[in-house]
Amino acid sequence: MENYGKNGKSDYTRCSGRVWTASPGTELFQVPAFEQRADFESRVLHLKAADNTEFTARPLYSYEAIPDRVVDLVFQNARLSDGDTSGSFMRALENNILEPHIYDIIKEASRSYPTDTLMAEGGSLRFERHVEAIVRESFKASGLELKTFSANLDFTDKVKAKIDSRNEVNTNISVLDQQIMEQRKRNELAALKAQENIILSKGITPEILKQQFIDKWDGATPLYGTMPVSLFKTVDK
């Protein structure tokens, strides 16, 4: 920055290598050209799920300045640091801009996720991806590219025990449902077999035997043995 930044953004330029800063009104803001890794250090975010259950998060993230957006990045945040110590501008940016934005985003997102959803298989990952997408857009608007993000959610032992108990109950219910379904199929099969036996027992009647005899006998082949009289009467007709 030159001329104390009196002319606004036009007093800001991107430089690299050794830079001369002895001129009055000149200030150097150092923006690393490589990936920066950061976390909330000792800060733990206390959040509430949609069902009012409390949980915590300790985000880890990494980012990198977009080269052609460096001037915008510094101009918008020049008052955060004097920039006289290497890395101080970026640390001030993280502490005063980036992490408060992350906290607001993750706090707002947490209100849309019930505890069961967050603790279900893949639930925390879906939450992280949702938050990550919003954080990415926020960083991009500031002139930064988000490289990695992890929310690191955690729940109290009491909540974990409650969810484990509920999952066990759900598992038992699922097993019982399967057993009930299997028994229903067995009952259906037994009913079908019983019905089949009834049909077969009712189907073998003297009338059917007579008709089968008539269909098979040619009327001329000698008959051996004693045949029912009613059968011959039917044949004579």
Protein backbone atom coordinates (compact mmCIF):
# COMPACT_ATOMS: atom_id res chain seq x y z
CA MET A 1 0.00 0.00 0.00
CA GLU A 2 1.32 3.46 -0.90
CA ASN A 3 0.33 7.03 -0.06
CA TYR A 4 -1.33 5.78 3.13
CA GLY A 5 -4.06 4.34 0.93
CA LYS A 6 -5.65 7.79 0.53
CA ASN A 7 -6.68 7.09 -3.06
CA GLY A 8 -8.44 3.87 -2.16
CA LYS A 9 -7.87 0.69 -4.06
CA SER A 10 -5.63 2.37 -6.64
CA ASP A 11 -2.93 2.74 -3.96
CA TYR A 12 -2.73 -1.06 -3.58
CA THR A 13 -0.57 -3.24 -5.83
CA ARG A 14 0.52 -6.86 -5.82
CA CYS A 15 4.28 -7.37 -5.46
CA SER A 16 6.55 -10.36 -5.03
CA GLY A 17 10.12 -10.89 -3.92
CA ARG A 18 12.01 -8.11 -2.13
CA VAL A 19 9.88 -4.99 -1.68
CA TRP A 20 11.09 -1.52 -0.66
CA THR A 21 8.89 -0.07 2.08
CA ALA A 22 10.96 2.89 3.35
CA SER A 23 8.86 5.51 1.58
CA PRO A 24 6.44 7.40 3.84
CA GLY A 25 2.90 6.03 3.69
CA THR A 26 4.07 2.67 2.36
CA GLU A 27 2.95 -0.50 4.13
CA LEU A 28 3.55 -4.11 3.26
CA PHE A 29 0.88 -6.79 3.79
CA GLN A 30 2.34 -10.24 3.39
CA VAL A 31 -0.01 -12.78 1.79
CA PRO A 32 1.59 -16.24 1.39
CA ALA A 33 1.27 -17.74 -2.07
CA PHE A 34 0.95 -21.26 -0.66
CA GLU A 35 -1.75 -23.17 1.23
CA GLN A 36 -2.47 -21.99 4.76
CA ARG A 37 -3.68 -24.42 7.42
CA ALA A 38 -5.65 -23.19 10.39
CA ASP A 39 -7.94 -24.32 13.19
CA PHE A 40 -9.85 -22.76 16.02
CA GLU A 41 -6.93 -23.59 18.35
CA SER A 42 -8.39 -23.84 21.86
CA ARG A 43 -11.75 -22.51 20.79
CA VAL A 44 -14.58 -25.05 20.80
CA LEU A 45 -17.85 -24.07 19.16
CA HIS A 46 -20.93 -24.89 21.22
CA LEU A 47 -23.88 -25.60 18.94
CA LYS A 48 -27.46 -26.82 19.11
CA ALA A 49 -29.15 -29.27 16.77
CA ALA A 50 -32.69 -28.86 15.46
CA ASP A 51 -34.06 -30.83 18.44
CA ASN A 52 -32.17 -28.55 20.87
CA THR A 53 -29.47 -31.11 21.66
CA GLU A 54 -26.10 -29.52 22.39
CA PHE A 55 -22.96 -30.62 20.60
CA THR A 56 -19.57 -29.15 19.80
CA ALA A 57 -17.39 -28.53 16.79
CA ARG A 58 -13.74 -27.64 16.35
CA PRO A 59 -13.27 -26.88 12.65
CA LEU A 60 -10.02 -27.47 10.82
CA TYR A 61 -9.56 -25.79 7.47
CA SER A 62 -7.00 -24.81 4.89
CA TYR A 63 -7.11 -22.15 2.21
CA GLU A 64 -5.04 -20.33 -0.33
CA ALA A 65 -5.18 -16.77 -1.65
CA ILE A 66 -6.47 -16.44 -5.21
CA PRO A 67 -3.59 -14.67 -7.02
CA ASP A 68 -5.65 -12.20 -9.03
CA ARG A 69 -7.77 -11.37 -5.96
CA VAL A 70 -4.93 -10.49 -3.58
CA VAL A 71 -5.40 -6.73 -3.98
CA ASP A 72 -9.11 -7.06 -3.18
CA LEU A 73 -8.31 -9.26 -0.17
CA VAL A 74 -5.87 -6.76 1.33
CA PHE A 75 -7.86 -3.66 0.45
CA GLN A 76 -11.00 -5.00 2.14
CA ASN A 77 -9.13 -6.06 5.29
CA ALA A 78 -6.19 -3.63 5.54
CA ARG A 79 -7.26 -2.29 8.92
CA LEU A 80 -6.97 -5.70 10.58
CA SER A 81 -3.19 -5.54 10.92
CA ASP A 82 -0.25 -3.21 10.43
CA GLY A 83 1.40 -5.96 8.41
CA ASP A 84 4.85 -5.39 9.92
CA THR A 85 5.30 -9.02 11.02
CA SER A 86 5.31 -11.96 8.67
CA GLY A 87 2.01 -13.76 8.78
CA SER A 88 0.29 -11.29 11.12
CA PHE A 89 -2.10 -10.09 8.44
CA MET A 90 -3.26 -13.64 7.69
CA ARG A 91 -3.63 -14.50 11.38
CA ALA A 92 -5.64 -11.33 11.92
CA LEU A 93 -7.75 -12.24 8.90
CA GLU A 94 -8.42 -15.71 10.33
CA ASN A 95 -9.25 -14.48 13.83
CA ASN A 96 -11.41 -11.52 12.87
CA ILE A 97 -13.01 -12.46 9.55
CA LEU A 98 -12.73 -16.09 8.50
CA GLU A 99 -13.42 -17.92 11.74
CA PRO A 100 -16.34 -15.71 12.84
CA HIS A 101 -17.88 -16.35 9.41
CA ILE A 102 -17.32 -20.10 9.80
CA TYR A 103 -18.90 -20.00 13.25
CA ASP A 104 -21.98 -18.16 11.97
CA ILE A 105 -22.34 -20.57 9.06
CA ILE A 106 -21.97 -23.74 11.11
CA LYS A 107 -24.23 -22.38 13.86
CA GLU A 108 -27.00 -21.60 11.37
CA ALA A 109 -26.62 -24.94 9.59
CA SER A 110 -26.77 -26.92 12.84
CA ARG A 111 -30.33 -25.72 13.46
CA SER A 112 -31.52 -27.64 10.41
CA TYR A 113 -30.13 -31.04 11.46
CA PRO A 114 -31.72 -33.22 14.18
CA THR A 115 -29.36 -35.16 16.44
CA ASP A 116 -30.42 -38.50 14.96
CA THR A 117 -29.47 -37.27 11.50
CA LEU A 118 -26.10 -35.95 12.62
CA MET A 119 -25.20 -39.19 14.42
CA ALA A 120 -26.59 -41.57 11.81
CA GLU A 121 -24.23 -43.32 9.42
CA GLY A 122 -22.81 -40.64 7.12
CA GLY A 123 -24.89 -37.95 8.85
CA SER A 124 -21.98 -35.86 10.14
CA LEU A 125 -20.32 -36.11 6.74
CA ARG A 126 -23.42 -34.76 5.00
CA PHE A 127 -23.50 -31.92 7.53
CA GLU A 128 -19.82 -31.14 6.89
CA ARG A 129 -20.32 -31.13 3.12
CA HIS A 130 -23.27 -28.75 3.53
CA VAL A 131 -21.26 -26.37 5.70
CA GLU A 132 -18.17 -26.71 3.51
CA ALA A 133 -20.09 -25.59 0.41
CA ILE A 134 -21.28 -22.42 2.16
CA VAL A 135 -17.85 -21.68 3.65
CA ARG A 136 -16.28 -22.16 0.21
CA GLU A 137 -18.53 -19.49 -1.30
CA SER A 138 -17.83 -17.14 1.62
CA PHE A 139 -14.07 -17.54 1.18
CA LYS A 140 -14.34 -17.07 -2.56
CA ALA A 141 -16.13 -13.76 -2.05
CA SER A 142 -13.17 -12.63 0.08
CA GLY A 143 -10.56 -13.68 -2.50
CA LEU A 144 -9.64 -17.04 -0.99
CA GLU A 145 -9.96 -20.62 -2.18
CA LEU A 146 -11.01 -23.13 0.47
CA LYS A 147 -8.87 -26.25 0.11
CA THR A 148 -10.03 -28.52 2.94
CA PHE A 149 -12.62 -28.36 5.69
CA SER A 150 -13.53 -30.60 8.65
CA ALA A 151 -16.10 -29.69 11.29
CA ASN A 152 -14.98 -32.31 13.89
CA LEU A 153 -18.34 -32.72 15.57
CA ASP A 154 -18.59 -34.23 19.03
CA PHE A 155 -21.46 -35.07 21.38
CA THR A 156 -21.68 -35.53 25.14
CA ASP A 157 -21.48 -39.05 26.58
CA LYS A 158 -25.11 -38.75 27.64
CA VAL A 159 -26.26 -38.03 24.10
CA LYS A 160 -24.08 -40.79 22.69
CA ALA A 161 -25.52 -43.32 25.15
CA LYS A 162 -29.05 -42.22 24.31
CA ILE A 163 -28.46 -42.58 20.58
CA ASP A 164 -26.75 -45.97 21.05
CA SER A 165 -29.75 -47.20 23.04
CA ARG A 166 -32.15 -45.93 20.40
CA ASN A 167 -30.13 -47.57 17.63
CA GLU A 168 -30.20 -50.88 19.53
CA VAL A 169 -33.98 -50.66 19.88
CA ASN A 170 -34.34 -49.86 16.18
CA THR A 171 -32.14 -52.83 15.31
CA ASN A 172 -34.24 -55.16 17.48
CA ILE A 173 -37.42 -53.83 15.90
CA SER A 174 -35.97 -54.43 12.45
CA VAL A 175 -35.14 -58.04 13.37
CA LEU A 176 -38.65 -58.59 14.73
CA ASP A 177 -40.18 -57.09 11.58
CA GLN A 178 -38.17 -59.53 9.47
CA GLN A 179 -39.24 -62.45 11.65
CA ILE A 180 -42.89 -61.40 11.43
CA MET A 181 -42.65 -61.11 7.66
CA GLU A 182 -41.01 -64.53 7.44
CA GLN A 183 -43.73 -66.10 9.63
CA ARG A 184 -46.43 -64.51 7.49
CA LYS A 185 -44.89 -66.07 4.40
CA ARG A 186 -44.76 -69.45 6.16
CA ASN A 187 -48.42 -69.11 7.12
CA GLU A 188 -49.34 -68.18 3.56
CA LEU A 189 -47.44 -71.19 2.22
CA ALA A 190 -49.13 -73.52 4.73
CA ALA A 191 -52.55 -72.11 3.77
CA LEU A 192 -51.81 -72.64 0.08
CA LYS A 193 -50.75 -76.24 0.70
CA ALA A 194 -53.87 -76.91 2.76
CA GLN A 195 -56.03 -75.42 0.04
CA GLU A 196 -54.25 -77.55 -2.55
CA ASN A 197 -54.92 -80.70 -0.54
CA ILE A 198 -58.59 -79.76 -0.22
CA ILE A 199 -58.87 -79.22 -3.95
CA LEU A 200 -57.20 -82.53 -4.69
CA SER A 201 -59.37 -84.42 -2.20
CA LYS A 202 -62.54 -82.89 -3.62
CA GLY A 203 -61.46 -83.35 -7.19
CA ILE A 204 -61.22 -87.18 -7.17
CA THR A 205 -64.93 -88.04 -7.38
CA PRO A 206 -66.77 -91.03 -8.97
CA GLU A 207 -67.97 -88.74 -11.77
CA ILE A 208 -64.39 -87.79 -12.66
CA LEU A 209 -63.33 -91.46 -12.56
CA LYS A 210 -66.23 -92.36 -14.89
CA GLN A 211 -65.33 -89.64 -17.33
CA GLN A 212 -61.65 -90.64 -17.31
CA PHE A 213 -62.69 -94.28 -18.00
CA ILE A 214 -64.94 -93.24 -20.89
CA ASP A 215 -62.21 -91.06 -22.37
CA LYS A 216 -59.67 -93.86 -22.26
CA TRP A 217 -61.88 -96.86 -23.23
CA ASP A 218 -62.56 -97.38 -26.93
CA GLY A 219 -65.80 -99.30 -26.31
CA ALA A 220 -64.46 -102.50 -27.84
CA THR A 221 -61.49 -103.57 -25.75
CA PRO A 222 -62.51 -106.42 -23.36
CA LEU A 223 -62.83 -105.37 -19.75
CA TYR A 224 -61.40 -107.50 -16.98
CA GLY A 225 -62.64 -107.42 -13.46
CA THR A 226 -65.86 -106.12 -12.01
CA MET A 227 -66.90 -102.65 -13.13
CA PRO A 228 -69.56 -100.53 -11.42
CA VAL A 229 -72.99 -100.91 -13.02
CA SER A 230 -73.48 -97.16 -13.01
CA LEU A 231 -70.34 -96.86 -15.06
CA PHE A 232 -71.67 -99.15 -17.78
CA LYS A 233 -74.94 -97.26 -17.83
CA THR A 234 -73.02 -94.11 -18.47
CA VAL A 235 -71.11 -95.76 -21.28
CA ASP A 236 -74.30 -97.17 -22.87
CA LYS A 237 -75.77 -93.70 -23.01
